C-alpha atoms as a PDB file:
ATOM      1  CA  MET A   1      -0.299  -0.047  -0.012  1.00  0.00           C
ATOM      2  CA  ILE A   2       1.079   3.634  -0.855  1.00  0.00           C
ATOM      3  CA  ALA A   3       2.568   5.478   2.402  1.00  0.00           C
ATOM      4  CA  GLU A   4      -0.336   7.908   3.256  1.00  0.00           C
ATOM      5  CA  LYS A   5       1.925  11.333   1.843  1.00  0.00           C
ATOM      6  CA  LYS A   6       1.494  12.433  -1.383  1.00  0.00           C
ATOM      7  CA  ILE A   7       3.769  11.167  -3.495  1.00  0.00           C
ATOM      8  CA  PRO A   8       5.735  14.278  -5.324  1.00  0.00           C
ATOM      9  CA  GLY A   9       6.428  14.841  -9.287  1.00  0.00           C
ATOM     10  CA  ASP A  10       7.929  17.559 -11.326  1.00  0.00           C
ATOM     11  CA  LEU A  11       6.049  16.708 -14.832  1.00  0.00           C
ATOM     12  CA  LEU A  12       5.108  20.241 -15.690  1.00  0.00           C
ATOM     13  CA  GLN A  13       8.630  20.868 -15.830  1.00  0.00           C
ATOM     14  CA  GLN A  14      10.557  17.930 -17.137  1.00  0.00           C
ATOM     15  CA  LEU A  15      10.108  16.346 -20.869  1.00  0.00           C
ATOM     16  CA  SER A  16       9.652  12.569 -19.372  1.00  0.00           C
ATOM     17  CA  GLY A  17       6.878  10.758 -18.901  1.00  0.00           C
ATOM     18  CA  THR A  18       5.255   9.498 -15.333  1.00  0.00           C
ATOM     19  CA  TYR A  19       7.543   6.270 -15.702  1.00  0.00           C
ATOM     20  CA  HIS A  20      10.430   8.353 -15.675  1.00  0.00           C
ATOM     21  CA  ASN A  21       9.629  10.867 -13.174  1.00  0.00           C
ATOM     22  CA  MET A  22       8.338   7.689 -10.542  1.00  0.00           C
ATOM     23  CA  THR A  23      11.071   6.059 -11.020  1.00  0.00           C
ATOM     24  CA  ARG A  24      13.827   9.284 -10.511  1.00  0.00           C
ATOM     25  CA  LEU A  25      11.851   9.702  -7.145  1.00  0.00           C
ATOM     26  CA  GLY A  26      12.637   5.794  -5.978  1.00  0.00           C
ATOM     27  CA  TYR A  27       9.107   4.317  -7.302  1.00  0.00           C
ATOM     28  CA  TYR A  28       8.676   1.692  -9.089  1.00  0.00           C
ATOM     29  CA  PRO A  29       5.407   1.635 -10.966  1.00  0.00           C
ATOM     30  CA  THR A  30       4.019  -1.689 -12.673  1.00  0.00           C
ATOM     31  CA  THR A  31       1.969  -1.148 -15.921  1.00  0.00           C
ATOM     32  CA  ARG A  32      -1.359  -2.752 -16.678  1.00  0.00           C
ATOM     33  CA  VAL A  33      -1.956  -2.288 -20.338  1.00  0.00           C
ATOM     34  CA  ILE A  34      -6.070  -2.264 -20.952  1.00  0.00           C
ATOM     35  CA  LEU A  35      -5.897  -1.117 -24.803  1.00  0.00           C
ATOM     36  CA  ASN A  36      -3.049  -0.938 -27.434  1.00  0.00           C
ATOM     37  CA  HIS A  37      -4.961  -0.842 -31.044  1.00  0.00           C
ATOM     38  CA  VAL A  38      -5.498   1.227 -34.054  1.00  0.00           C
ATOM     39  CA  ILE A  39      -8.122   3.597 -34.170  1.00  0.00           C
ATOM     40  CA  LEU A  40      -9.505   6.062 -36.851  1.00  0.00           C
ATOM     41  CA  ALA A  41      -8.931   9.943 -35.490  1.00  0.00           C
ATOM     42  CA  THR A  42     -11.803  11.869 -34.565  1.00  0.00           C
ATOM     43  CA  GLU A  43     -12.315  15.436 -35.180  1.00  0.00           C
ATOM     44  CA  SER A  44     -10.714  15.916 -31.328  1.00  0.00           C
ATOM     45  CA  ILE A  45      -7.822  13.516 -31.584  1.00  0.00           C
ATOM     46  CA  ALA A  46      -6.993  14.909 -35.176  1.00  0.00           C
ATOM     47  CA  LYS A  47      -7.002  18.497 -33.741  1.00  0.00           C
ATOM     48  CA  LYS A  48      -4.340  17.701 -30.664  1.00  0.00           C
ATOM     49  CA  LEU A  49      -2.090  15.450 -32.955  1.00  0.00           C
ATOM     50  CA  GLU A  50      -2.214  18.125 -35.997  1.00  0.00           C
ATOM     51  CA  ILE A  51      -3.426  14.891 -38.360  1.00  0.00           C
ATOM     52  CA  LYS A  52      -6.653  14.713 -40.392  1.00  0.00           C
ATOM     53  CA  PRO A  53      -9.738  13.329 -38.985  1.00  0.00           C
ATOM     54  CA  MET A  54      -9.834   9.565 -39.977  1.00  0.00           C
ATOM     55  CA  ASP A  55      -6.220   9.678 -39.961  1.00  0.00           C
ATOM     56  CA  GLN A  56      -4.743   6.080 -38.543  1.00  0.00           C
ATOM     57  CA  VAL A  57      -3.738   6.928 -34.544  1.00  0.00           C
ATOM     58  CA  ILE A  58      -2.568   4.538 -31.870  1.00  0.00           C
ATOM     59  CA  GLU A  59      -4.941   4.465 -29.008  1.00  0.00           C
ATOM     60  CA  LEU A  60      -3.065   3.524 -25.989  1.00  0.00           C
ATOM     61  CA  GLU A  61      -4.588   2.825 -22.125  1.00  0.00           C
ATOM     62  CA  ARG A  62      -2.766   1.932 -19.082  1.00  0.00           C
ATOM     63  CA  LEU A  63      -2.739   1.699 -15.647  1.00  0.00           C
ATOM     64  CA  ARG A  64       0.409   2.304 -13.734  1.00  0.00           C
ATOM     65  CA  PHE A  65       0.229   1.325  -9.968  1.00  0.00           C
ATOM     66  CA  ILE A  66       3.149   2.130  -7.159  1.00  0.00           C
ATOM     67  CA  GLU A  67       3.449  -0.436  -4.709  1.00  0.00           C
ATOM     68  CA  ASP A  68       0.495  -2.417  -6.211  1.00  0.00           C
ATOM     69  CA  GLU A  69      -2.381   0.174  -5.609  1.00  0.00           C
ATOM     70  CA  PRO A  70      -3.470   1.955  -8.765  1.00  0.00           C
ATOM     71  CA  PHE A  71      -2.180   5.674  -8.792  1.00  0.00           C
ATOM     72  CA  VAL A  72      -2.661   6.971 -12.189  1.00  0.00           C
ATOM     73  CA  PHE A  73      -4.857   6.118 -15.373  1.00  0.00           C
ATOM     74  CA  MET A  74      -3.493   7.567 -18.656  1.00  0.00           C
ATOM     75  CA  ARG A  75      -5.169   7.673 -22.268  1.00  0.00           C
ATOM     76  CA  SER A  76      -2.645   8.062 -25.137  1.00  0.00           C
ATOM     77  CA  TYR A  77      -2.655   8.729 -28.709  1.00  0.00           C
ATOM     78  CA  VAL A  78       0.547   8.231 -31.451  1.00  0.00           C
ATOM     79  CA  PRO A  79       0.302   8.623 -34.694  1.00  0.00           C
ATOM     80  CA  TYR A  80       0.155   5.680 -36.529  1.00  0.00           C
ATOM     81  CA  ASP A  81       2.627   6.510 -39.461  1.00  0.00           C
ATOM     82  CA  LEU A  82       4.924   7.690 -37.342  1.00  0.00           C
ATOM     83  CA  CYS A  83       5.304   4.812 -35.058  1.00  0.00           C
ATOM     84  CA  PRO A  84       3.411   1.371 -36.315  1.00  0.00           C
ATOM     85  CA  LYS A  85       5.153  -0.739 -34.492  1.00  0.00           C
ATOM     86  CA  ILE A  86       3.940   0.752 -30.944  1.00  0.00           C
ATOM     87  CA  ALA A  87       0.853  -0.562 -31.621  1.00  0.00           C
ATOM     88  CA  GLU A  88       2.453  -4.450 -31.738  1.00  0.00           C
ATOM     89  CA  ILE A  89       4.955  -3.952 -28.689  1.00  0.00           C
ATOM     90  CA  ASP A  90       3.743  -5.017 -25.244  1.00  0.00           C
ATOM     91  CA  LEU A  91       4.251  -2.006 -23.041  1.00  0.00           C
ATOM     92  CA  THR A  92       3.302  -3.862 -19.612  1.00  0.00           C
ATOM     93  CA  GLY A  93       6.168  -2.922 -17.582  1.00  0.00           C
ATOM     94  CA  LYS A  94       7.629  -0.106 -20.126  1.00  0.00           C
ATOM     95  CA  SER A  95       7.857   3.495 -21.143  1.00  0.00           C
ATOM     96  CA  LEU A  96       6.326   4.255 -24.070  1.00  0.00           C
ATOM     97  CA  LEU A  97       8.412   7.298 -24.461  1.00  0.00           C
ATOM     98  CA  ASP A  98      11.174   4.636 -24.160  1.00  0.00           C
ATOM     99  CA  GLU A  99      10.151   2.289 -27.106  1.00  0.00           C
ATOM    100  CA  ILE A 100       9.210   5.265 -29.460  1.00  0.00           C
ATOM    101  CA  LYS A 101      12.473   6.272 -28.937  1.00  0.00           C
ATOM    102  CA  ARG A 102      14.054   2.900 -29.337  1.00  0.00           C
ATOM    103  CA  GLU A 103      11.933   2.110 -32.328  1.00  0.00           C
ATOM    104  CA  TYR A 104      12.361   4.937 -34.182  1.00  0.00           C
ATOM    105  CA  GLY A 105      14.978   7.416 -32.490  1.00  0.00           C
ATOM    106  CA  PHE A 106      12.407  10.251 -31.651  1.00  0.00           C
ATOM    107  CA  VAL A 107      12.612  12.182 -28.935  1.00  0.00           C
ATOM    108  CA  ILE A 108      10.039  15.010 -27.694  1.00  0.00           C
ATOM    109  CA  SER A 109      12.020  18.220 -28.166  1.00  0.00           C
ATOM    110  CA  SER A 110       8.868  20.573 -26.273  1.00  0.00           C
ATOM    111  CA  SER A 111       5.639  19.738 -24.726  1.00  0.00           C
ATOM    112  CA  LYS A 112       3.027  21.912 -23.845  1.00  0.00           C
ATOM    113  CA  ARG A 113       0.665  20.639 -20.614  1.00  0.00           C
ATOM    114  CA  THR A 114      -1.770  21.453 -18.642  1.00  0.00           C
ATOM    115  CA  ILE A 115      -3.331  20.600 -15.401  1.00  0.00           C
ATOM    116  CA  GLU A 116      -6.478  20.862 -13.643  1.00  0.00           C
ATOM    117  CA  ALA A 117      -8.942  19.512 -10.830  1.00  0.00           C
ATOM    118  CA  VAL A 118     -11.491  16.985 -11.560  1.00  0.00           C
ATOM    119  CA  SER A 119     -13.582  14.788 -10.242  1.00  0.00           C
ATOM    120  CA  ALA A 120     -13.423  11.057 -10.635  1.00  0.00           C
ATOM    121  CA  ARG A 121     -16.007   9.186 -12.945  1.00  0.00           C
ATOM    122  CA  GLU A 122     -17.550   5.731 -12.773  1.00  0.00           C
ATOM    123  CA  THR A 123     -15.048   4.106 -14.903  1.00  0.00           C
ATOM    124  CA  GLU A 124     -11.913   5.918 -13.369  1.00  0.00           C
ATOM    125  CA  ALA A 125     -13.054   5.595 -10.046  1.00  0.00           C
ATOM    126  CA  ASN A 126     -13.321   2.026 -10.634  1.00  0.00           C
ATOM    127  CA  LEU A 127     -10.138   1.520 -12.288  1.00  0.00           C
ATOM    128  CA  LEU A 128      -8.169   4.133  -9.287  1.00  0.00           C
ATOM    129  CA  LYS A 129      -9.945   2.041  -6.886  1.00  0.00           C
ATOM    130  CA  ILE A 130     -11.624   5.693  -5.386  1.00  0.00           C
ATOM    131  CA  SER A 131     -15.060   6.671  -4.584  1.00  0.00           C
ATOM    132  CA  ARG A 132     -16.813   8.456  -7.749  1.00  0.00           C
ATOM    133  CA  GLY A 133     -16.693  12.097  -7.217  1.00  0.00           C
ATOM    134  CA  ALA A 134     -12.976  11.493  -5.467  1.00  0.00           C
ATOM    135  CA  PRO A 135     -10.256  14.281  -6.371  1.00  0.00           C
ATOM    136  CA  LEU A 136      -8.059  13.818  -9.535  1.00  0.00           C
ATOM    137  CA  LEU A 137      -5.531  15.437 -11.126  1.00  0.00           C
ATOM    138  CA  LEU A 138      -6.208  15.941 -14.594  1.00  0.00           C
ATOM    139  CA  PHE A 139      -2.816  16.404 -16.810  1.00  0.00           C
ATOM    140  CA  ASN A 140      -2.946  17.069 -20.398  1.00  0.00           C
ATOM    141  CA  SER A 141       0.384  16.684 -22.658  1.00  0.00           C
ATOM    142  CA  VAL A 142       0.784  17.327 -26.257  1.00  0.00           C
ATOM    143  CA  SER A 143       4.741  16.389 -27.085  1.00  0.00           C
ATOM    144  CA  PHE A 144       6.679  17.555 -30.066  1.00  0.00           C
ATOM    145  CA  ILE A 145       9.928  15.964 -31.779  1.00  0.00           C
ATOM    146  CA  ASP A 146      12.547  18.126 -33.069  1.00  0.00           C
ATOM    147  CA  THR A 147      11.014  18.660 -36.330  1.00  0.00           C
ATOM    148  CA  GLY A 148       7.822  20.344 -34.916  1.00  0.00           C
ATOM    149  CA  ARG A 149       5.633  17.328 -35.632  1.00  0.00           C
ATOM    150  CA  VAL A 150       3.320  16.083 -32.861  1.00  0.00           C
ATOM    151  CA  ILE A 151       4.602  12.590 -31.340  1.00  0.00           C
ATOM    152  CA  GLY A 152       1.988  12.322 -28.790  1.00  0.00           C
ATOM    153  CA  SER A 153      -1.504  13.547 -27.173  1.00  0.00           C
ATOM    154  CA  THR A 154      -1.642  12.037 -23.292  1.00  0.00           C
ATOM    155  CA  ARG A 155      -4.453  12.796 -20.695  1.00  0.00           C
ATOM    156  CA  ALA A 156      -3.683  11.391 -17.159  1.00  0.00           C
ATOM    157  CA  LEU A 157      -5.694  11.355 -14.469  1.00  0.00           C
ATOM    158  CA  PHE A 158      -3.667  11.127 -11.093  1.00  0.00           C
ATOM    159  CA  ARG A 159      -5.251   9.986  -7.618  1.00  0.00           C
ATOM    160  CA  GLY A 160      -5.786  13.234  -6.042  1.00  0.00           C
ATOM    161  CA  ASP A 161      -5.375  11.764  -2.788  1.00  0.00           C
ATOM    162  CA  ARG A 162      -2.166  10.242  -3.837  1.00  0.00           C
ATOM    163  CA  ALA A 163      -0.179  12.617  -6.227  1.00  0.00           C
ATOM    164  CA  ARG A 164       1.478  16.253  -6.068  1.00  0.00           C
ATOM    165  CA  PHE A 165       3.051  18.218  -8.735  1.00  0.00           C
ATOM    166  CA  ASP A 166       5.986  20.467  -7.652  1.00  0.00           C
ATOM    167  CA  VAL A 167       6.790  23.544 -10.432  1.00  0.00           C
ATOM    168  CA  GLU A 168      10.209  25.443  -9.508  1.00  0.00           C
ATOM    169  CA  ILE A 169      10.879  28.792 -11.220  1.00  0.00           C
ATOM    170  CA  GLY A 170      13.813  30.510 -12.614  1.00  0.00           C
ATOM    171  CA  ASP A 171      17.340  29.563 -13.186  1.00  0.00           C
ATOM    172  CA  ILE A 172      18.010  26.861 -10.548  1.00  0.00           C
ATOM    173  CA  ASN A 173      21.803  26.805 -12.318  1.00  0.00           C
ATOM    174  CA  GLU A 174      22.279  29.738 -10.493  1.00  0.00           C
ATOM    175  CA  ARG A 175      21.675  28.751  -6.987  1.00  0.00           C
ATOM    176  CA  VAL A 176      24.595  28.866  -4.577  1.00  0.00           C
END
């Protein structure tokens, strides 16, 4: 069981995903892959990925655990034409970003991110083993490779009772 304290994270200021954020903090997350398949992009998915509606995308749903307790539910979309093999890879216990880098050499060069508080809906509450209406931290991210092309979009719902995001402003290299 996760300790009562909140698990901190600096996802807002690191060009890394939840897997690396957790391991950097000394946690060893496990992942259950719920979905990994190819779909046709809806208008909203296409807009986020800067592709045409009905283009093929890989839809991923993953539930990440810390110490056997659900911590975050993630839904990601990756343009199929950039990374088709991702639909065939078992991402259980793996980082999506690591697999994209290993298979294709793509590295995130920039990202647009937002975070807000939301209430758990029925499906999310069941997956995260919390009450319906419990607080969640919604983290949205659209990531780009050095060509300016969108490599993926992720919507992550962190348990509000277990997650905290830390932000540091300024040049941290100039500290004494």
